[in-house]
């Protein structure tokens, strides 16, 4: 079976949560004999296809952005060509260009869409986009939500609930590098024994302005690892508040990220808008046995982080509550350690890449429905 994934961005050019999920899914599906192709947009001039992590990557040229949506003229022809060779199309929502390409190319192949997030920020444009969105979602054979929480709280998903499946994201810890002793030592010396960690792309919905406000009066380091479009304004906010305990580390290698996840005291994930449908870096914290702090926004963040079990859950956009939560974990190390252990146990029981991939492969076989598809079993 050959599956074509279609999304606006992909590894190795960009490293967001959705890109990680697609990567883990393609890598894992190869263990079942499934070939995966990934089509995404690229700002680069070299649009040649290339192999990456055991699957095939293809790029269409990014021509311009409109309302945070990437557009590409060549994506239509490139998608049509690749879709003709595929048995199944796996779309990743939201991305309005994808909906246009789907209808314009008229490819008659089984399709499913992983619904990563509601359209949250572009309220005015949503009024224009909604008919196309509903037509697109209605035309696919299956929609996949990343958590039962998101299914229950999404008005859009509720409209299509008769064809929605829930398959949570999963990570394969064996794909994460083991940091060297020198790397661990250098970070420990720089940041000390008790620091709180955020990892991710610095975007508007991550709630980092709330985290910076919450950092006032805390006497331990808060580390922000990642880069993104609001990095300069966050640094300016921290400077204006005179904060010395905020550490902006910028873009890091995977080894450095693994070292920080290993060393940190807790993972704090202050996302305050529903654009954050799940929280892959929150899941990474659980995987590394860390207590978690997140906000209740009706999404997968509180499917990963169970209040007072795997960590603490605070109201969104509430810096005082976030401040108190960090201080509570800092003041109660035994409680924090127990929460981290339970977070890791929840990762192993619910969120492994093997579980995610197995569930998707079963769905692929159901949708393709061929005799050959039914014969796929895990290799090795």
Protein backbone atom coordinates (compact mmCIF):
# COMPACT_ATOMS: atom_id res chain seq x y z
CA UNK A 1 0.00 0.00 0.00
CA UNK A 2 1.20 3.52 -0.77
CA UNK A 3 -0.05 6.50 1.27
CA UNK A 4 0.37 10.15 0.31
CA UNK A 5 0.46 12.66 3.18
CA UNK A 6 -0.32 16.26 2.30
CA UNK A 7 0.40 19.19 4.62
CA UNK A 8 1.84 22.69 4.32
CA UNK A 9 5.11 21.91 6.14
CA UNK A 10 7.25 18.87 6.91
CA UNK A 11 10.49 17.72 8.44
CA UNK A 12 13.35 18.40 8.13
CA UNK A 13 12.63 22.03 7.11
CA UNK A 14 10.24 22.79 9.97
CA UNK A 15 9.93 21.04 13.32
CA UNK A 16 6.47 21.62 14.74
CA UNK A 17 4.24 19.08 16.43
CA UNK A 18 2.29 18.10 13.31
CA UNK A 19 5.51 17.58 11.38
CA UNK A 20 6.71 15.26 14.15
CA UNK A 21 3.47 13.28 14.08
CA UNK A 22 3.66 12.81 10.30
CA UNK A 23 7.28 11.73 10.63
CA UNK A 24 6.53 9.19 13.36
CA UNK A 25 3.58 7.85 11.38
CA UNK A 26 5.56 7.42 8.16
CA UNK A 27 8.48 5.79 9.95
CA UNK A 28 6.23 3.43 11.83
CA UNK A 29 4.04 2.52 8.85
CA UNK A 30 7.12 1.28 6.99
CA UNK A 31 7.29 -1.51 9.59
CA UNK A 32 4.00 -2.76 8.13
CA UNK A 33 5.28 -2.62 4.56
CA UNK A 34 3.47 0.63 3.81
CA UNK A 35 5.21 3.14 1.56
CA UNK A 36 4.72 6.78 2.52
CA UNK A 37 5.14 9.93 0.48
CA UNK A 38 4.93 13.41 2.02
CA UNK A 39 4.10 16.47 -0.06
CA UNK A 40 4.66 19.88 1.53
CA UNK A 41 5.60 23.41 0.54
CA UNK A 42 9.11 24.82 0.58
CA UNK A 43 10.61 28.29 0.27
CA UNK A 44 13.75 26.80 -1.24
CA UNK A 45 14.54 26.78 -4.93
CA UNK A 46 15.43 23.07 -5.02
CA UNK A 47 12.17 21.14 -5.42
CA UNK A 48 13.66 17.71 -6.03
CA UNK A 49 12.27 14.73 -4.13
CA UNK A 50 14.45 13.12 -1.48
CA UNK A 51 14.44 10.25 0.98
CA UNK A 52 14.18 11.02 4.69
CA UNK A 53 13.79 8.62 7.63
CA UNK A 54 12.64 5.77 5.41
CA UNK A 55 10.00 7.59 3.37
CA UNK A 56 9.90 9.87 0.32
CA UNK A 57 9.61 13.65 0.61
CA UNK A 58 8.35 15.93 -2.16
CA UNK A 59 8.19 19.72 -2.24
CA UNK A 60 6.12 22.27 -4.10
CA UNK A 61 7.33 25.86 -4.20
CA UNK A 62 5.77 28.22 -1.66
CA UNK A 63 4.74 31.32 -3.62
CA UNK A 64 3.14 33.51 -0.95
CA UNK A 65 1.26 33.63 2.35
CA UNK A 66 -2.25 34.95 2.83
CA UNK A 67 -3.71 35.10 6.36
CA UNK A 68 -1.00 32.71 7.60
CA UNK A 69 -1.86 30.23 4.85
CA UNK A 70 0.82 29.13 2.42
CA UNK A 71 -0.12 29.06 -1.28
CA UNK A 72 1.62 27.30 -4.12
CA UNK A 73 0.80 27.27 -7.83
CA UNK A 74 2.80 24.11 -8.49
CA UNK A 75 1.16 22.16 -5.65
CA UNK A 76 -1.85 21.31 -7.83
CA UNK A 77 0.12 19.47 -10.50
CA UNK A 78 2.53 17.94 -7.99
CA UNK A 79 -0.31 16.61 -5.86
CA UNK A 80 -2.20 15.23 -8.85
CA UNK A 81 0.88 13.35 -10.05
CA UNK A 82 1.65 11.84 -6.65
CA UNK A 83 -1.98 11.05 -5.82
CA UNK A 84 -2.34 9.00 -9.00
CA UNK A 85 0.42 6.72 -7.69
CA UNK A 86 -1.09 6.37 -4.20
CA UNK A 87 -3.67 3.97 -2.82
CA UNK A 88 -4.81 6.39 -0.12
CA UNK A 89 -4.59 10.15 0.50
CA UNK A 90 -3.95 11.28 4.08
CA UNK A 91 -4.72 14.98 4.48
CA UNK A 92 -3.67 17.03 7.52
CA UNK A 93 -6.10 19.83 8.46
CA UNK A 94 -6.28 22.85 8.65
CA UNK A 95 -4.86 24.25 5.45
CA UNK A 96 -7.30 25.92 3.00
CA UNK A 97 -5.05 25.41 -0.02
CA UNK A 98 -5.32 21.67 0.58
CA UNK A 99 -9.11 21.85 0.26
CA UNK A 100 -8.77 23.69 -3.06
CA UNK A 101 -6.23 21.18 -4.37
CA UNK A 102 -8.47 18.28 -3.31
CA UNK A 103 -11.40 19.52 -5.41
CA UNK A 104 -9.42 21.00 -8.31
CA UNK A 105 -7.47 17.82 -9.04
CA UNK A 106 -10.52 15.52 -8.81
CA UNK A 107 -8.43 12.56 -7.71
CA UNK A 108 -10.67 9.56 -7.11
CA UNK A 109 -8.78 7.83 -4.32
CA UNK A 110 -9.91 6.93 -0.79
CA UNK A 111 -9.02 9.73 1.60
CA UNK A 112 -8.97 10.56 5.27
CA UNK A 113 -8.11 13.74 7.13
CA UNK A 114 -6.42 14.10 10.48
CA UNK A 115 -8.13 17.07 12.10
CA UNK A 116 -5.27 18.72 13.98
CA UNK A 117 -7.07 21.90 15.02
CA UNK A 118 -10.09 24.12 14.58
CA UNK A 119 -9.57 27.34 12.64
CA UNK A 120 -9.20 29.68 15.60
CA UNK A 121 -7.48 32.94 14.75
CA UNK A 122 -8.93 33.89 11.36
CA UNK A 123 -12.53 34.44 12.48
CA UNK A 124 -13.50 36.78 9.62
CA UNK A 125 -11.93 34.65 6.92
CA UNK A 126 -13.57 31.58 8.42
CA UNK A 127 -16.94 32.93 7.34
CA UNK A 128 -15.72 32.87 3.75
CA UNK A 129 -13.83 29.60 4.10
CA UNK A 130 -16.52 27.64 5.99
CA UNK A 131 -18.47 26.38 2.92
CA UNK A 132 -15.28 25.05 1.33
CA UNK A 133 -14.16 23.55 4.64
CA UNK A 134 -17.45 21.76 5.21
CA UNK A 135 -17.49 20.46 1.64
CA UNK A 136 -13.93 19.18 2.00
CA UNK A 137 -14.52 17.45 5.33
CA UNK A 138 -17.76 16.01 4.02
CA UNK A 139 -16.04 14.55 0.95
CA UNK A 140 -13.43 12.51 2.85
CA UNK A 141 -14.17 8.97 3.96
CA UNK A 142 -13.01 9.45 7.54
CA UNK A 143 -11.96 12.25 9.89
CA UNK A 144 -9.53 11.53 12.72
CA UNK A 145 -9.48 13.59 15.93
CA UNK A 146 -6.35 13.51 18.08
CA UNK A 147 -8.17 13.17 21.40
CA UNK A 148 -11.66 12.53 22.75
CA UNK A 149 -11.43 15.95 24.42
CA UNK A 150 -11.11 17.73 21.09
CA UNK A 151 -13.93 15.73 19.52
CA UNK A 152 -16.25 16.63 22.38
CA UNK A 153 -15.46 20.36 22.28
CA UNK A 154 -15.15 21.06 18.54
CA UNK A 155 -18.34 22.33 16.90
CA UNK A 156 -16.96 21.35 13.50
CA UNK A 157 -16.15 17.78 14.51
CA UNK A 158 -19.54 17.38 16.13
CA UNK A 159 -21.18 18.12 12.74
CA UNK A 160 -19.32 15.14 11.26
CA UNK A 161 -19.34 12.93 14.36
CA UNK A 162 -20.78 9.95 12.46
CA UNK A 163 -17.49 9.52 10.60
CA UNK A 164 -14.97 10.70 13.20
CA UNK A 165 -12.47 8.28 14.76
CA UNK A 166 -10.16 9.14 17.63
CA UNK A 167 -6.49 8.20 17.26
CA UNK A 168 -4.16 9.97 19.67
CA UNK A 169 -0.68 11.09 18.70
CA UNK A 170 2.22 8.90 19.69
CA UNK A 171 5.99 9.18 20.02
CA UNK A 172 8.78 6.63 19.73
CA UNK A 173 11.31 7.31 22.47
CA UNK A 174 13.92 5.18 20.72
CA UNK A 175 14.12 7.79 17.93
CA UNK A 176 15.29 10.46 20.38
CA UNK A 177 19.07 10.82 20.68
CA UNK A 178 20.84 9.96 23.92
CA UNK A 179 22.67 13.12 24.98
CA UNK A 180 26.38 12.86 25.64
CA UNK A 181 27.79 13.28 29.13
CA UNK A 182 29.49 16.51 28.07
CA UNK A 183 26.20 17.94 26.76
CA UNK A 184 24.40 17.02 29.97
CA UNK A 185 27.15 18.52 32.09
CA UNK A 186 27.22 21.77 30.11
CA UNK A 187 23.47 22.33 30.37
CA UNK A 188 23.38 21.38 34.05
CA UNK A 189 26.15 23.87 34.80
CA UNK A 190 24.41 26.61 32.82
CA UNK A 191 20.85 26.14 34.13
CA UNK A 192 21.22 24.54 37.55
CA UNK A 193 19.40 21.60 39.14
CA UNK A 194 15.82 22.92 39.18
CA UNK A 195 14.53 24.60 36.03
CA UNK A 196 11.11 24.57 34.37
CA UNK A 197 11.11 23.91 30.63
CA UNK A 198 8.99 24.95 27.67
CA UNK A 199 9.85 23.43 24.28
CA UNK A 200 8.18 24.45 21.04
CA UNK A 201 7.78 26.93 18.24
CA UNK A 202 7.17 30.42 19.61
CA UNK A 203 3.69 31.11 18.24
CA UNK A 204 0.82 33.31 19.37
CA UNK A 205 -1.27 30.49 20.86
CA UNK A 206 1.49 29.01 23.03
CA UNK A 207 0.70 31.39 25.91
CA UNK A 208 4.32 32.33 26.47
CA UNK A 209 3.42 35.92 27.31
CA UNK A 210 1.40 34.42 30.18
CA UNK A 211 4.38 32.31 31.27
CA UNK A 212 6.66 35.36 31.30
CA UNK A 213 4.17 37.29 33.40
CA UNK A 214 3.87 34.30 35.75
CA UNK A 215 7.66 34.18 36.19
CA UNK A 216 7.72 37.37 38.27
CA UNK A 217 8.84 36.62 41.81
CA UNK A 218 9.99 33.04 41.15
CA UNK A 219 13.54 32.22 42.17
CA UNK A 220 14.22 29.35 39.76
CA UNK A 221 15.05 29.40 36.03
CA UNK A 222 12.37 29.11 33.36
CA UNK A 223 13.79 27.91 30.06
CA UNK A 224 12.15 28.64 26.72
CA UNK A 225 13.64 26.39 24.05
CA UNK A 226 12.63 27.15 20.50
CA UNK A 227 12.34 29.90 17.93
CA UNK A 228 9.41 31.44 16.14
CA UNK A 229 7.58 34.52 14.89
CA UNK A 230 6.95 36.15 18.28
CA UNK A 231 10.44 35.59 19.74
CA UNK A 232 11.49 39.25 19.68
CA UNK A 233 8.33 40.52 21.41
CA UNK A 234 8.64 37.86 24.12
CA UNK A 235 12.24 38.90 24.77
CA UNK A 236 11.13 42.51 24.93
CA UNK A 237 8.41 41.61 27.44
CA UNK A 238 10.90 39.83 29.68
CA UNK A 239 13.29 42.77 29.44
CA UNK A 240 10.55 45.29 30.26
CA UNK A 241 9.65 43.27 33.37
CA UNK A 242 13.29 43.10 34.41
CA UNK A 243 13.23 39.31 34.62
CA UNK A 244 16.55 37.55 35.09
CA UNK A 245 15.17 34.01 35.44
CA UNK A 246 13.92 33.64 31.84
CA UNK A 247 16.35 31.90 29.50
CA UNK A 248 15.67 32.05 25.75
CA UNK A 249 17.70 29.32 24.09
CA UNK A 250 16.49 29.64 20.50
CA UNK A 251 16.53 26.74 18.06
CA UNK A 252 18.24 23.64 19.49
CA UNK A 253 19.50 20.36 18.09
CA UNK A 254 17.56 17.20 18.92
CA UNK A 255 20.38 16.12 21.25
CA UNK A 256 20.23 19.39 23.18
CA UNK A 257 16.44 19.10 23.43
CA UNK A 258 16.77 15.57 24.80
CA UNK A 259 19.33 16.78 27.33
CA UNK A 260 16.99 19.53 28.56
CA UNK A 261 14.06 17.13 28.79
CA UNK A 262 16.24 14.78 30.82
CA UNK A 263 17.53 17.48 33.17
CA UNK A 264 14.51 19.71 33.73
CA UNK A 265 12.46 19.67 36.92
CA UNK A 266 9.09 20.01 35.17
CA UNK A 267 7.58 20.83 31.77
CA UNK A 268 5.32 23.87 31.58
CA UNK A 269 2.97 24.23 28.63
CA UNK A 270 0.89 27.43 28.89
CA UNK A 271 -0.98 27.27 25.55
CA UNK A 272 -4.22 29.21 26.00
CA UNK A 273 -6.07 28.85 22.68
CA UNK A 274 -7.66 25.90 20.89
CA UNK A 275 -5.10 26.17 18.10
CA UNK A 276 -3.12 23.95 20.49
CA UNK A 277 -5.07 20.78 19.82
CA UNK A 278 -2.74 18.34 21.56
CA UNK A 279 0.73 19.43 22.64
CA UNK A 280 3.47 17.12 21.38
CA UNK A 281 6.15 18.71 23.58
CA UNK A 282 3.86 18.20 26.59
CA UNK A 283 3.78 14.54 25.62
CA UNK A 284 7.58 14.58 25.37
CA UNK A 285 7.67 15.77 28.97
CA UNK A 286 5.54 12.80 30.01
CA UNK A 287 7.78 10.48 28.02
CA UNK A 288 10.79 11.81 29.95
CA UNK A 289 9.01 11.30 33.32
CA UNK A 290 8.43 14.95 34.14
CA UNK A 291 5.53 16.50 36.06
CA UNK A 292 3.44 18.65 33.75
CA UNK A 293 1.68 22.01 33.93
CA UNK A 294 -0.90 22.90 31.29
CA UNK A 295 -4.06 24.97 30.82
CA UNK A 296 -7.59 23.67 30.46
CA UNK A 297 -8.59 24.63 26.92
CA UNK A 298 -10.79 21.66 26.07
CA UNK A 299 -8.18 19.96 23.90
CA UNK A 300 -5.72 17.09 24.08
CA UNK A 301 -3.44 18.90 26.52
CA UNK A 302 -5.63 17.69 29.38
CA UNK A 303 -5.93 14.26 27.82
CA UNK A 304 -2.18 13.99 28.26
CA UNK A 305 -2.02 15.86 31.58
CA UNK A 306 -4.59 14.69 34.11
CA UNK A 307 -5.08 17.28 36.86
CA UNK A 308 -3.43 16.32 40.16
CA UNK A 309 -2.37 12.96 38.71
CA UNK A 310 0.31 13.63 36.09
CA UNK A 311 0.67 17.32 36.92
CA UNK A 312 -1.28 20.50 37.50
CA UNK A 313 -3.92 22.11 35.28
CA UNK A 314 -4.67 25.84 35.49
CA UNK A 315 -7.19 28.14 33.82
CA UNK A 316 -5.98 29.62 30.50
CA UNK A 317 -4.59 33.16 30.41
CA UNK A 318 -4.17 33.22 34.20
CA UNK A 319 -0.56 34.15 35.13
CA UNK A 320 -1.32 34.12 38.86
CA UNK A 321 -2.60 30.53 38.73
CA UNK A 322 0.37 29.51 36.57
CA UNK A 323 2.77 31.18 39.02
CA UNK A 324 1.21 29.29 41.94
CA UNK A 325 1.33 25.98 40.06
CA UNK A 326 5.05 26.30 39.33
CA UNK A 327 5.74 27.31 42.92
CA UNK A 328 3.69 24.37 44.22
CA UNK A 329 5.71 21.85 42.22
CA UNK A 330 8.96 23.52 43.22
CA UNK A 331 8.00 23.39 46.91
CA UNK A 332 6.89 19.74 46.86
CA UNK A 333 9.58 17.68 45.10
CA UNK A 334 8.22 14.30 46.22
CA UNK A 335 4.78 15.14 44.85
CA UNK A 336 6.37 16.40 41.64
CA UNK A 337 8.41 13.23 41.25
CA UNK A 338 5.33 11.04 41.76
CA UNK A 339 3.42 13.03 39.15
CA UNK A 340 6.28 12.63 36.69
CA UNK A 341 6.26 8.87 37.19
CA UNK A 342 2.52 8.71 36.57
CA UNK A 343 2.92 10.91 33.48
CA UNK A 344 5.45 8.47 32.08
CA UNK A 345 3.18 5.52 32.86
CA UNK A 346 0.39 7.26 30.98
CA UNK A 347 2.70 7.79 28.01
CA UNK A 348 3.50 4.08 27.83
CA UNK A 349 -0.14 3.06 28.14
CA UNK A 350 -1.70 5.61 25.76
CA UNK A 351 0.76 7.54 23.60
CA UNK A 352 3.44 5.35 22.04
CA UNK A 353 4.14 5.65 18.33
CA UNK A 354 3.52 1.91 17.99
CA UNK A 355 -0.04 2.33 19.26
CA UNK A 356 -0.70 5.34 17.00
CA UNK A 357 0.72 3.65 13.92
CA UNK A 358 -1.13 0.38 14.55
CA UNK A 359 -4.43 2.24 14.82
CA UNK A 360 -3.78 4.20 11.64
CA UNK A 361 -2.72 1.09 9.72
CA UNK A 362 -5.98 -0.61 10.71
CA UNK A 363 -7.85 2.45 9.44
CA UNK A 364 -5.85 2.52 6.21
CA UNK A 365 -6.73 -1.11 5.54
CA UNK A 366 -10.40 -0.45 6.26
CA UNK A 367 -10.54 2.52 3.88
CA UNK A 368 -8.61 0.94 1.03
CA UNK A 369 -10.54 -2.27 1.48
CA UNK A 370 -8.48 -4.38 -0.91
CA UNK A 371 -7.42 -7.96 -0.34
CA UNK A 372 -3.79 -6.92 -0.49
CA UNK A 373 -4.34 -4.28 2.17
CA UNK A 374 -5.76 -6.86 4.55
CA UNK A 375 -2.51 -8.84 4.46
CA UNK A 376 -0.28 -6.20 6.08
CA UNK A 377 1.30 -7.23 9.37
CA UNK A 378 4.06 -5.66 11.36
CA UNK A 379 7.50 -6.64 10.13
CA UNK A 380 9.93 -7.99 12.72
